[in-house]
């Protein structure tokens, strides 16, 4: 597949390759897509958690919700999602 990148993204890709951070423009795009996929997986999991909580009912304080979400995010990061 061929993809054309223009504007500031082209410069970003060139800088990432020139710095040695990544080996090629393809590697930069692959890394970006991997991050996007991880983000989508996290969002899906968070939506599931919220849906489960709403279905279960009950009430939680804002601090309790933040603590639960932080714990879930940490679990997802540990699993590489």
Protein backbone atom coordinates (compact mmCIF):
# COMPACT_ATOMS: atom_id res chain seq x y z
CA UNK A 1 0.00 0.00 0.00
CA UNK A 2 1.26 3.45 -0.84
CA UNK A 3 0.46 6.37 1.43
CA UNK A 4 1.33 10.02 0.80
CA UNK A 5 2.05 12.25 3.76
CA UNK A 6 2.31 16.00 3.38
CA UNK A 7 2.66 19.10 5.47
CA UNK A 8 3.82 18.95 9.07
CA UNK A 9 3.41 15.17 9.23
CA UNK A 10 6.02 14.69 6.50
CA UNK A 11 8.46 16.80 8.51
CA UNK A 12 7.65 14.86 11.65
CA UNK A 13 8.35 11.57 9.87
CA UNK A 14 11.62 12.87 8.42
CA UNK A 15 12.75 14.10 11.84
CA UNK A 16 11.96 10.75 13.48
CA UNK A 17 14.01 8.92 10.85
CA UNK A 18 16.87 11.47 10.87
CA UNK A 19 17.14 11.26 14.66
CA UNK A 20 17.58 7.50 14.44
CA UNK A 21 14.50 7.00 16.59
CA UNK A 22 12.99 4.87 13.83
CA UNK A 23 14.60 3.22 10.82
CA UNK A 24 12.31 4.34 8.02
CA UNK A 25 9.16 6.26 7.17
CA UNK A 26 7.33 2.92 7.12
CA UNK A 27 8.47 2.28 10.70
CA UNK A 28 7.17 5.70 11.78
CA UNK A 29 3.77 5.03 10.23
CA UNK A 30 3.67 1.53 11.75
CA UNK A 31 4.49 2.94 15.20
CA UNK A 32 1.74 5.54 14.83
CA UNK A 33 -0.80 2.93 13.78
CA UNK A 34 0.22 0.73 16.71
CA UNK A 35 -0.41 3.61 19.10
CA UNK A 36 -3.78 4.28 17.49
CA UNK A 37 -4.73 0.62 17.82
CA UNK A 38 -3.72 0.65 21.51
CA UNK A 39 -5.76 3.78 22.11
CA UNK A 40 -8.81 2.26 20.47
CA UNK A 41 -8.45 -0.88 22.61
CA UNK A 42 -8.24 1.25 25.77
CA UNK A 43 -11.31 3.24 24.79
CA UNK A 44 -13.25 0.06 24.05
CA UNK A 45 -12.31 -1.36 27.44
CA UNK A 46 -13.23 1.87 29.24
CA UNK A 47 -16.58 1.97 27.47
CA UNK A 48 -17.23 -1.62 28.53
CA UNK A 49 -16.35 -0.76 32.12
CA UNK A 50 -18.72 2.21 32.08
CA UNK A 51 -21.50 0.16 30.49
CA UNK A 52 -21.04 -2.59 33.10
CA UNK A 53 -21.10 -0.05 35.91
CA UNK A 54 -24.25 1.59 34.57
CA UNK A 55 -25.96 -1.78 34.21
CA UNK A 56 -24.94 -2.71 37.75
CA UNK A 57 -26.29 0.52 39.20
CA UNK A 58 -25.22 2.00 42.48
CA UNK A 59 -23.37 5.20 43.11
CA UNK A 60 -19.71 6.07 43.23
CA UNK A 61 -18.01 9.31 44.09
CA UNK A 62 -15.89 11.07 41.48
CA UNK A 63 -12.76 10.02 43.38
CA UNK A 64 -13.87 6.37 43.35
CA UNK A 65 -14.51 6.51 39.60
CA UNK A 66 -11.08 8.07 39.02
CA UNK A 67 -9.44 5.35 41.13
CA UNK A 68 -11.21 2.55 39.24
CA UNK A 69 -10.33 4.04 35.85
CA UNK A 70 -6.70 4.55 36.87
CA UNK A 71 -6.49 0.92 37.98
CA UNK A 72 -8.03 -0.33 34.73
CA UNK A 73 -5.72 1.83 32.62
CA UNK A 74 -2.72 0.47 34.53
CA UNK A 75 -3.95 -3.10 33.90
CA UNK A 76 -4.35 -2.39 30.17
CA UNK A 77 -0.88 -0.84 29.98
CA UNK A 78 0.57 -3.89 31.71
CA UNK A 79 -1.08 -6.07 29.06
CA UNK A 80 0.32 -3.82 26.33
CA UNK A 81 -3.03 -2.43 25.22
